[in-house]
PDB file of N, CA and C in Angstrom:
ATOM      1  N   ASP A   1     -53.426 136.729 125.243  1.00  0.00           N
ATOM      2  CA  ASP A   1     -52.175 137.443 125.406  1.00  0.00           C
ATOM      3  C   ASP A   1     -51.155 136.588 126.143  1.00  0.00           C
ATOM      4  N   ILE A   2     -49.923 137.007 126.060  1.00  0.00           N
ATOM      5  CA  ILE A   2     -48.826 136.248 126.661  1.00  0.00           C
ATOM      6  C   ILE A   2     -48.579 136.742 128.075  1.00  0.00           C
ATOM      7  N   ASP A   3     -48.312 135.815 128.971  1.00  0.00           N
ATOM      8  CA  ASP A   3     -47.912 136.139 130.322  1.00  0.00           C
ATOM      9  C   ASP A   3     -46.383 136.147 130.340  1.00  0.00           C
ATOM     10  N   PHE A   4     -45.775 137.320 130.152  1.00  0.00           N
ATOM     11  CA  PHE A   4     -44.320 137.420 130.056  1.00  0.00           C
ATOM     12  C   PHE A   4     -43.660 137.080 131.383  1.00  0.00           C
ATOM     13  N   CYS A   5     -42.545 136.349 131.307  1.00  0.00           N
ATOM     14  CA  CYS A   5     -41.818 136.001 132.519  1.00  0.00           C
ATOM     15  C   CYS A   5     -40.770 137.081 132.797  1.00  0.00           C
ATOM     16  N   ASP A   6     -40.033 136.923 133.882  1.00  0.00           N
ATOM     17  CA  ASP A   6     -39.032 137.909 134.282  1.00  0.00           C
ATOM     18  C   ASP A   6     -37.805 137.917 133.381  1.00  0.00           C
ATOM     19  N   GLY A   7     -37.642 136.927 132.577  1.00  0.00           N
ATOM     20  CA  GLY A   7     -36.503 136.887 131.668  1.00  0.00           C
ATOM     21  C   GLY A   7     -35.994 135.469 131.468  1.00  0.00           C
ATOM     22  N   PHE A   8     -35.170 135.331 130.460  1.00  0.00           N
ATOM     23  CA  PHE A   8     -34.560 134.054 130.140  1.00  0.00           C
ATOM     24  C   PHE A   8     -33.056 134.226 130.115  1.00  0.00           C
ATOM     25  N   TYR A   9     -32.345 133.232 130.606  1.00  0.00           N
ATOM     26  CA  TYR A   9     -30.889 133.230 130.574  1.00  0.00           C
ATOM     27  C   TYR A   9     -30.442 132.301 129.460  1.00  0.00           C
ATOM     28  N   ILE A  10     -29.537 132.802 128.619  1.00  0.00           N
ATOM     29  CA  ILE A  10     -29.067 131.983 127.509  1.00  0.00           C
ATOM     30  C   ILE A  10     -27.547 131.902 127.519  1.00  0.00           C
ATOM     31  N   ASN A  11     -27.041 130.858 126.904  1.00  0.00           N
ATOM     32  CA  ASN A  11     -25.614 130.603 126.792  1.00  0.00           C
ATOM     33  C   ASN A  11     -25.039 131.477 125.674  1.00  0.00           C
ATOM     34  N   GLY A  12     -24.339 132.524 126.052  1.00  0.00           N
ATOM     35  CA  GLY A  12     -23.759 133.438 125.083  1.00  0.00           C
ATOM     36  C   GLY A  12     -22.603 132.849 124.305  1.00  0.00           C
ATOM     37  N   ASP A  13     -22.029 131.761 124.794  1.00  0.00           N
ATOM     38  CA  ASP A  13     -20.902 131.124 124.104  1.00  0.00           C
ATOM     39  C   ASP A  13     -21.299 130.580 122.734  1.00  0.00           C
ATOM     40  N   VAL A  14     -22.563 130.261 122.535  1.00  0.00           N
ATOM     41  CA  VAL A  14     -22.994 129.647 121.278  1.00  0.00           C
ATOM     42  C   VAL A  14     -23.493 130.671 120.260  1.00  0.00           C
ATOM     43  N   LEU A  15     -23.513 131.949 120.639  1.00  0.00           N
ATOM     44  CA  LEU A  15     -23.961 132.982 119.716  1.00  0.00           C
ATOM     45  C   LEU A  15     -22.823 133.382 118.790  1.00  0.00           C
ATOM     46  N   ASP A  16     -23.155 133.710 117.555  1.00  0.00           N
ATOM     47  CA  ASP A  16     -22.146 134.136 116.591  1.00  0.00           C
ATOM     48  C   ASP A  16     -22.691 135.264 115.734  1.00  0.00           C
ATOM     49  N   ASP A  17     -21.951 135.658 114.711  1.00  0.00           N
ATOM     50  CA  ASP A  17     -22.366 136.806 113.903  1.00  0.00           C
ATOM     51  C   ASP A  17     -23.510 136.502 112.940  1.00  0.00           C
ATOM     52  N   LYS A  18     -24.017 135.281 112.952  1.00  0.00           N
ATOM     53  CA  LYS A  18     -25.180 134.929 112.128  1.00  0.00           C
ATOM     54  C   LYS A  18     -26.492 135.079 112.889  1.00  0.00           C
ATOM     55  N   VAL A  19     -26.418 135.395 114.169  1.00  0.00           N
ATOM     56  CA  VAL A  19     -27.614 135.520 115.008  1.00  0.00           C
ATOM     57  C   VAL A  19     -28.250 136.892 114.787  1.00  0.00           C
ATOM     58  N   VAL A  20     -29.558 136.886 114.557  1.00  0.00           N
ATOM     59  CA  VAL A  20     -30.298 138.126 114.307  1.00  0.00           C
ATOM     60  C   VAL A  20     -31.595 138.144 115.118  1.00  0.00           C
ATOM     61  N   ILE A  21     -32.121 139.338 115.290  1.00  0.00           N
ATOM     62  CA  ILE A  21     -33.457 139.520 115.866  1.00  0.00           C
ATOM     63  C   ILE A  21     -34.381 139.836 114.695  1.00  0.00           C
ATOM     64  N   ARG A  22     -35.475 139.089 114.596  1.00  0.00           N
ATOM     65  CA  ARG A  22     -36.408 139.265 113.479  1.00  0.00           C
ATOM     66  C   ARG A  22     -37.758 138.695 113.871  1.00  0.00           C
ATOM     67  N   TYR A  23     -38.671 138.671 112.925  1.00  0.00           N
ATOM     68  CA  TYR A  23     -39.966 138.024 113.122  1.00  0.00           C
ATOM     69  C   TYR A  23     -39.932 136.654 112.453  1.00  0.00           C
ATOM     70  N   ARG A  24     -40.885 135.805 112.776  1.00  0.00           N
ATOM     71  CA  ARG A  24     -40.891 134.443 112.253  1.00  0.00           C
ATOM     72  C   ARG A  24     -41.073 134.420 110.739  1.00  0.00           C
ATOM     73  N   LYS A  25     -40.615 133.334 110.148  1.00  0.00           N
ATOM     74  CA  LYS A  25     -40.808 133.129 108.715  1.00  0.00           C
ATOM     75  C   LYS A  25     -40.946 131.634 108.455  1.00  0.00           C
ATOM     76  N   ASN A  26     -41.419 131.291 107.287  1.00  0.00           N
ATOM     77  CA  ASN A  26     -41.596 129.884 106.919  1.00  0.00           C
ATOM     78  C   ASN A  26     -40.285 129.129 107.042  1.00  0.00           C
ATOM     79  N   GLY A  27     -40.348 127.927 107.571  1.00  0.00           N
ATOM     80  CA  GLY A  27     -39.172 127.086 107.710  1.00  0.00           C
ATOM     81  C   GLY A  27     -38.469 127.198 109.047  1.00  0.00           C
ATOM     82  N   ASP A  28     -38.919 128.112 109.916  1.00  0.00           N
ATOM     83  CA  ASP A  28     -38.302 128.248 111.234  1.00  0.00           C
ATOM     84  C   ASP A  28     -38.568 127.010 112.082  1.00  0.00           C
ATOM     85  N   VAL A  29     -37.544 126.601 112.830  1.00  0.00           N
ATOM     86  CA  VAL A  29     -37.607 125.407 113.676  1.00  0.00           C
ATOM     87  C   VAL A  29     -37.044 125.758 115.041  1.00  0.00           C
ATOM     88  N   ILE A  30     -37.610 125.171 116.096  1.00  0.00           N
ATOM     89  CA  ILE A  30     -37.071 125.343 117.443  1.00  0.00           C
ATOM     90  C   ILE A  30     -36.747 123.966 118.016  1.00  0.00           C
ATOM     91  N   HIS A  31     -35.617 123.884 118.712  1.00  0.00           N
ATOM     92  CA  HIS A  31     -35.198 122.640 119.372  1.00  0.00           C
ATOM     93  C   HIS A  31     -35.722 122.675 120.800  1.00  0.00           C
ATOM     94  N   LYS A  32     -36.538 121.700 121.138  1.00  0.00           N
ATOM     95  CA  LYS A  32     -37.215 121.669 122.434  1.00  0.00           C
ATOM     96  C   LYS A  32     -36.305 121.112 123.516  1.00  0.00           C
ATOM     97  N   PHE A  33     -36.567 121.504 124.763  1.00  0.00           N
ATOM     98  CA  PHE A  33     -35.776 121.023 125.894  1.00  0.00           C
ATOM     99  C   PHE A  33     -35.917 119.525 126.103  1.00  0.00           C
ATOM    100  N   GLY A  34     -37.068 118.973 125.821  1.00  0.00           N
ATOM    101  CA  GLY A  34     -37.283 117.543 126.013  1.00  0.00           C
ATOM    102  C   GLY A  34     -36.659 116.689 124.921  1.00  0.00           C
ATOM    103  N   GLY A  35     -36.073 117.332 123.946  1.00  0.00           N
ATOM    104  CA  GLY A  35     -35.491 116.614 122.820  1.00  0.00           C
ATOM    105  C   GLY A  35     -36.328 116.810 121.573  1.00  0.00           C
ATOM    106  N   GLY A  36     -35.715 116.681 120.444  1.00  0.00           N
ATOM    107  CA  GLY A  36     -36.400 116.830 119.176  1.00  0.00           C
ATOM    108  C   GLY A  36     -36.604 118.280 118.797  1.00  0.00           C
ATOM    109  N   SER A  37     -37.151 118.474 117.635  1.00  0.00           N
ATOM    110  CA  SER A  37     -37.416 119.825 117.157  1.00  0.00           C
ATOM    111  C   SER A  37     -38.838 119.887 116.617  1.00  0.00           C
ATOM    112  N   LYS A  38     -39.306 121.114 116.429  1.00  0.00           N
ATOM    113  CA  LYS A  38     -40.678 121.327 115.983  1.00  0.00           C
ATOM    114  C   LYS A  38     -40.705 122.611 115.163  1.00  0.00           C
ATOM    115  N   SER A  39     -41.608 122.678 114.206  1.00  0.00           N
ATOM    116  CA  SER A  39     -41.756 123.923 113.465  1.00  0.00           C
ATOM    117  C   SER A  39     -42.179 125.012 114.446  1.00  0.00           C
ATOM    118  N   LEU A  40     -41.726 126.233 114.194  1.00  0.00           N
ATOM    119  CA  LEU A  40     -42.061 127.328 115.095  1.00  0.00           C
ATOM    120  C   LEU A  40     -43.563 127.555 115.158  1.00  0.00           C
ATOM    121  N   GLY A  41     -44.239 127.436 114.027  1.00  0.00           N
ATOM    122  CA  GLY A  41     -45.688 127.620 114.019  1.00  0.00           C
ATOM    123  C   GLY A  41     -46.394 126.627 114.925  1.00  0.00           C
ATOM    124  N   ASP A  42     -46.020 125.348 114.838  1.00  0.00           N
ATOM    125  CA  ASP A  42     -46.618 124.329 115.707  1.00  0.00           C
ATOM    126  C   ASP A  42     -46.263 124.570 117.168  1.00  0.00           C
ATOM    127  N   PHE A  43     -45.021 124.973 117.414  1.00  0.00           N
ATOM    128  CA  PHE A  43     -44.574 125.261 118.771  1.00  0.00           C
ATOM    129  C   PHE A  43     -45.409 126.390 119.373  1.00  0.00           C
ATOM    130  N   MET A  44     -45.632 127.449 118.598  1.00  0.00           N
ATOM    131  CA  MET A  44     -46.426 128.576 119.089  1.00  0.00           C
ATOM    132  C   MET A  44     -47.872 128.164 119.340  1.00  0.00           C
ATOM    133  N   THR A  45     -48.409 127.307 118.497  1.00  0.00           N
ATOM    134  CA  THR A  45     -49.768 126.803 118.713  1.00  0.00           C
ATOM    135  C   THR A  45     -49.822 126.009 120.011  1.00  0.00           C
ATOM    136  N   ASP A  46     -48.836 125.149 120.241  1.00  0.00           N
ATOM    137  CA  ASP A  46     -48.781 124.367 121.481  1.00  0.00           C
ATOM    138  C   ASP A  46     -48.683 125.261 122.713  1.00  0.00           C
ATOM    139  N   LYS A  47     -47.990 126.391 122.578  1.00  0.00           N
ATOM    140  CA  LYS A  47     -47.837 127.344 123.688  1.00  0.00           C
ATOM    141  C   LYS A  47     -49.058 128.261 123.825  1.00  0.00           C
ATOM    142  N   LYS A  48     -50.044 128.040 122.948  1.00  0.00           N
ATOM    143  CA  LYS A  48     -51.296 128.804 122.967  1.00  0.00           C
ATOM    144  C   LYS A  48     -51.078 130.300 122.714  1.00  0.00           C
ATOM    145  N   ILE A  49     -50.131 130.605 121.819  1.00  0.00           N
ATOM    146  CA  ILE A  49     -49.911 131.980 121.397  1.00  0.00           C
ATOM    147  C   ILE A  49     -50.951 132.292 120.324  1.00  0.00           C
ATOM    148  N   SER A  50     -51.677 133.365 120.514  1.00  0.00           N
ATOM    149  CA  SER A  50     -52.764 133.697 119.591  1.00  0.00           C
ATOM    150  C   SER A  50     -52.228 134.007 118.195  1.00  0.00           C
ATOM    151  N   ASN A  51     -53.049 133.748 117.202  1.00  0.00           N
ATOM    152  CA  ASN A  51     -52.673 134.047 115.818  1.00  0.00           C
ATOM    153  C   ASN A  51     -52.338 135.521 115.656  1.00  0.00           C
ATOM    154  N   ARG A  52     -52.994 136.348 116.411  1.00  0.00           N
ATOM    155  CA  ARG A  52     -52.770 137.796 116.357  1.00  0.00           C
ATOM    156  C   ARG A  52     -51.330 138.152 116.748  1.00  0.00           C
ATOM    157  N   LEU A  53     -50.742 137.385 117.657  1.00  0.00           N
ATOM    158  CA  LEU A  53     -49.391 137.689 118.143  1.00  0.00           C
ATOM    159  C   LEU A  53     -48.279 136.928 117.423  1.00  0.00           C
ATOM    160  N   LYS A  54     -48.589 135.824 116.785  1.00  0.00           N
ATOM    161  CA  LYS A  54     -47.547 134.973 116.209  1.00  0.00           C
ATOM    162  C   LYS A  54     -46.591 135.715 115.289  1.00  0.00           C
ATOM    163  N   ASP A  55     -47.091 136.615 114.481  1.00  0.00           N
ATOM    164  CA  ASP A  55     -46.234 137.345 113.551  1.00  0.00           C
ATOM    165  C   ASP A  55     -45.688 138.643 114.133  1.00  0.00           C
ATOM    166  N   ARG A  56     -46.046 138.939 115.370  1.00  0.00           N
ATOM    167  CA  ARG A  56     -45.611 140.190 116.002  1.00  0.00           C
ATOM    168  C   ARG A  56     -44.573 139.978 117.089  1.00  0.00           C
ATOM    169  N   LEU A  57     -44.339 138.731 117.483  1.00  0.00           N
ATOM    170  CA  LEU A  57     -43.345 138.454 118.518  1.00  0.00           C
ATOM    171  C   LEU A  57     -41.952 138.433 117.909  1.00  0.00           C
ATOM    172  N   PRO A  58     -41.015 139.179 118.476  1.00  0.00           N
ATOM    173  CA  PRO A  58     -39.648 139.089 117.966  1.00  0.00           C
ATOM    174  C   PRO A  58     -39.038 137.747 118.360  1.00  0.00           C
ATOM    175  N   ILE A  59     -38.180 137.248 117.498  1.00  0.00           N
ATOM    176  CA  ILE A  59     -37.431 136.032 117.813  1.00  0.00           C
ATOM    177  C   ILE A  59     -35.953 136.319 117.604  1.00  0.00           C
ATOM    178  N   ILE A  60     -35.125 135.522 118.244  1.00  0.00           N
ATOM    179  CA  ILE A  60     -33.687 135.531 117.980  1.00  0.00           C
ATOM    180  C   ILE A  60     -33.411 134.229 117.258  1.00  0.00           C
ATOM    181  N   ALA A  61     -32.736 134.323 116.117  1.00  0.00           N
ATOM    182  CA  ALA A  61     -32.534 133.132 115.291  1.00  0.00           C
ATOM    183  C   ALA A  61     -31.172 133.148 114.613  1.00  0.00           C
ATOM    184  N   ARG A  62     -30.717 131.966 114.280  1.00  0.00           N
ATOM    185  CA  ARG A  62     -29.556 131.759 113.421  1.00  0.00           C
ATOM    186  C   ARG A  62     -30.083 131.009 112.215  1.00  0.00           C
ATOM    187  N   GLU A  63     -30.191 131.713 111.092  1.00  0.00           N
ATOM    188  CA  GLU A  63     -30.810 131.174 109.891  1.00  0.00           C
ATOM    189  C   GLU A  63     -32.210 130.697 110.244  1.00  0.00           C
ATOM    190  N   ASN A  64     -32.539 129.407 110.093  1.00  0.00           N
ATOM    191  CA  ASN A  64     -33.904 128.967 110.415  1.00  0.00           C
ATOM    192  C   ASN A  64     -34.017 128.336 111.805  1.00  0.00           C
ATOM    193  N   GLU A  65     -32.927 128.358 112.599  1.00  0.00           N
ATOM    194  CA  GLU A  65     -32.956 127.818 113.962  1.00  0.00           C
ATOM    195  C   GLU A  65     -33.342 128.920 114.937  1.00  0.00           C
ATOM    196  N   VAL A  66     -34.483 128.784 115.557  1.00  0.00           N
ATOM    197  CA  VAL A  66     -34.962 129.779 116.516  1.00  0.00           C
ATOM    198  C   VAL A  66     -34.318 129.496 117.868  1.00  0.00           C
ATOM    199  N   LEU A  67     -33.699 130.542 118.448  1.00  0.00           N
ATOM    200  CA  LEU A  67     -33.022 130.410 119.738  1.00  0.00           C
ATOM    201  C   LEU A  67     -33.852 130.981 120.883  1.00  0.00           C
ATOM    202  N   TYR A  68     -34.729 131.927 120.565  1.00  0.00           N
ATOM    203  CA  TYR A  68     -35.559 132.586 121.583  1.00  0.00           C
ATOM    204  C   TYR A  68     -36.852 133.048 120.927  1.00  0.00           C
ATOM    205  N   VAL A  69     -37.952 132.804 121.600  1.00  0.00           N
ATOM    206  CA  VAL A  69     -39.260 133.264 121.137  1.00  0.00           C
ATOM    207  C   VAL A  69     -39.729 134.331 122.113  1.00  0.00           C
ATOM    208  N   GLY A  70     -39.842 135.557 121.630  1.00  0.00           N
ATOM    209  CA  GLY A  70     -40.170 136.732 122.421  1.00  0.00           C
ATOM    210  C   GLY A  70     -40.999 136.527 123.670  1.00  0.00           C
ATOM    211  N   GLY A  71     -40.360 136.571 124.811  1.00  0.00           N
ATOM    212  CA  GLY A  71     -41.036 136.527 126.095  1.00  0.00           C
ATOM    213  C   GLY A  71     -41.607 135.194 126.514  1.00  0.00           C
ATOM    214  N   THR A  72     -41.377 134.124 125.726  1.00  0.00           N
ATOM    215  CA  THR A  72     -42.041 132.861 126.051  1.00  0.00           C
ATOM    216  C   THR A  72     -41.109 131.668 126.254  1.00  0.00           C
ATOM    217  N   SER A  73     -40.069 131.516 125.433  1.00  0.00           N
ATOM    218  CA  SER A  73     -39.270 130.284 125.464  1.00  0.00           C
ATOM    219  C   SER A  73     -37.891 130.490 124.864  1.00  0.00           C
ATOM    220  N   ILE A  74     -36.977 129.589 125.227  1.00  0.00           N
ATOM    221  CA  ILE A  74     -35.678 129.509 124.568  1.00  0.00           C
ATOM    222  C   ILE A  74     -35.494 128.099 124.017  1.00  0.00           C
ATOM    223  N   SER A  75     -34.577 127.983 123.101  1.00  0.00           N
ATOM    224  CA  SER A  75     -34.248 126.696 122.497  1.00  0.00           C
ATOM    225  C   SER A  75     -33.259 125.941 123.386  1.00  0.00           C
ATOM    226  N   SER A  76     -33.259 124.626 123.270  1.00  0.00           N
ATOM    227  CA  SER A  76     -32.270 123.824 123.990  1.00  0.00           C
ATOM    228  C   SER A  76     -30.856 124.115 123.487  1.00  0.00           C
ATOM    229  N   LEU A  77     -30.734 124.707 122.293  1.00  0.00           N
ATOM    230  CA  LEU A  77     -29.417 125.032 121.744  1.00  0.00           C
ATOM    231  C   LEU A  77     -28.692 126.113 122.540  1.00  0.00           C
ATOM    232  N   VAL A  78     -29.431 126.919 123.304  1.00  0.00           N
ATOM    233  CA  VAL A  78     -28.808 127.998 124.075  1.00  0.00           C
ATOM    234  C   VAL A  78     -28.925 127.787 125.583  1.00  0.00           C
ATOM    235  N   LYS A  79     -29.198 126.568 125.994  1.00  0.00           N
ATOM    236  CA  LYS A  79     -29.308 126.335 127.439  1.00  0.00           C
ATOM    237  C   LYS A  79     -27.923 126.423 128.074  1.00  0.00           C
ATOM    238  N   ILE A  80     -27.919 126.876 129.303  1.00  0.00           N
ATOM    239  CA  ILE A  80     -26.687 127.049 130.060  1.00  0.00           C
ATOM    240  C   ILE A  80     -26.239 125.697 130.599  1.00  0.00           C
ATOM    241  N   ASN A  81     -24.931 125.453 130.556  1.00  0.00           N
ATOM    242  CA  ASN A  81     -24.383 124.223 131.110  1.00  0.00           C
ATOM    243  C   ASN A  81     -23.135 124.540 131.930  1.00  0.00           C
ATOM    244  N   GLU A  82     -22.488 123.519 132.459  1.00  0.00           N
ATOM    245  CA  GLU A  82     -21.332 123.718 133.341  1.00  0.00           C
ATOM    246  C   GLU A  82     -20.133 124.337 132.630  1.00  0.00           C
ATOM    247  N   LYS A  83     -20.098 124.315 131.311  1.00  0.00           N
ATOM    248  CA  LYS A  83     -18.983 124.895 130.547  1.00  0.00           C
ATOM    249  C   LYS A  83     -19.277 126.308 130.043  1.00  0.00           C
ATOM    250  N   THR A  84     -20.461 126.824 130.329  1.00  0.00           N
ATOM    251  CA  THR A  84     -20.853 128.154 129.857  1.00  0.00           C
ATOM    252  C   THR A  84     -19.995 129.227 130.511  1.00  0.00           C
ATOM    253  N   ASN A  85     -19.431 130.110 129.683  1.00  0.00           N
ATOM    254  CA  ASN A  85     -18.624 131.235 130.178  1.00  0.00           C
ATOM    255  C   ASN A  85     -19.389 132.555 130.131  1.00  0.00           C
ATOM    256  N   ILE A  86     -20.211 132.744 129.105  1.00  0.00           N
ATOM    257  CA  ILE A  86     -20.951 133.991 128.920  1.00  0.00           C
ATOM    258  C   ILE A  86     -22.438 133.709 129.041  1.00  0.00           C
ATOM    259  N   ILE A  87     -23.099 134.450 129.917  1.00  0.00           N
ATOM    260  CA  ILE A  87     -24.536 134.281 130.112  1.00  0.00           C
ATOM    261  C   ILE A  87     -25.220 135.621 129.860  1.00  0.00           C
ATOM    262  N   TYR A  88     -26.256 135.596 129.024  1.00  0.00           N
ATOM    263  CA  TYR A  88     -27.059 136.784 128.767  1.00  0.00           C
ATOM    264  C   TYR A  88     -28.452 136.574 129.335  1.00  0.00           C
ATOM    265  N   LYS A  89     -28.996 137.643 129.896  1.00  0.00           N
ATOM    266  CA  LYS A  89     -30.390 137.626 130.329  1.00  0.00           C
ATOM    267  C   LYS A  89     -31.195 138.424 129.316  1.00  0.00           C
ATOM    268  N   ILE A  90     -32.247 137.814 128.795  1.00  0.00           N
ATOM    269  CA  ILE A  90     -33.107 138.477 127.825  1.00  0.00           C
ATOM    270  C   ILE A  90     -34.460 138.729 128.484  1.00  0.00           C
ATOM    271  N   THR A  91     -34.884 139.973 128.447  1.00  0.00           N
ATOM    272  CA  THR A  91     -36.200 140.326 128.983  1.00  0.00           C
ATOM    273  C   THR A  91     -36.997 141.037 127.899  1.00  0.00           C
ATOM    274  N   MET A  92     -38.282 140.967 128.037  1.00  0.00           N
ATOM    275  CA  MET A  92     -39.161 141.635 127.089  1.00  0.00           C
ATOM    276  C   MET A  92     -40.239 142.342 127.882  1.00  0.00           C
ATOM    277  N   GLU A  93     -40.433 143.610 127.606  1.00  0.00           N
ATOM    278  CA  GLU A  93     -41.427 144.391 128.318  1.00  0.00           C
ATOM    279  C   GLU A  93     -42.621 144.671 127.427  1.00  0.00           C
ATOM    280  N   LYS A  94     -43.774 144.655 128.027  1.00  0.00           N
ATOM    281  CA  LYS A  94     -45.006 144.959 127.301  1.00  0.00           C
ATOM    282  C   LYS A  94     -45.312 146.440 127.486  1.00  0.00           C
ATOM    283  N   TYR A  95     -45.517 147.137 126.383  1.00  0.00           N
ATOM    284  CA  TYR A  95     -45.840 148.571 126.428  1.00  0.00           C
ATOM    285  C   TYR A  95     -47.263 148.794 126.039  1.00  0.00           C
TER     286      TYR A  95
END
């Protein structure tokens, strides 16, 4: 199971009307903080997310670019910087 954190802060300035909340699908990619990108499936395996949860975690995405992985990570594309005007906090609760 996932050890959910208290929340993630994302740069709201980069969000647009193409951003949706959905489940993962083939071709999804996440941009890592250390640089580069990785398929979402490989990223979830590296994060040790169980196969049982991989298809059940909500993600926030713009087309095939994953911006947030339910309760675990955000993409470098939405990191906050000195020019950020809008900041959103995303939390996920386990029921």
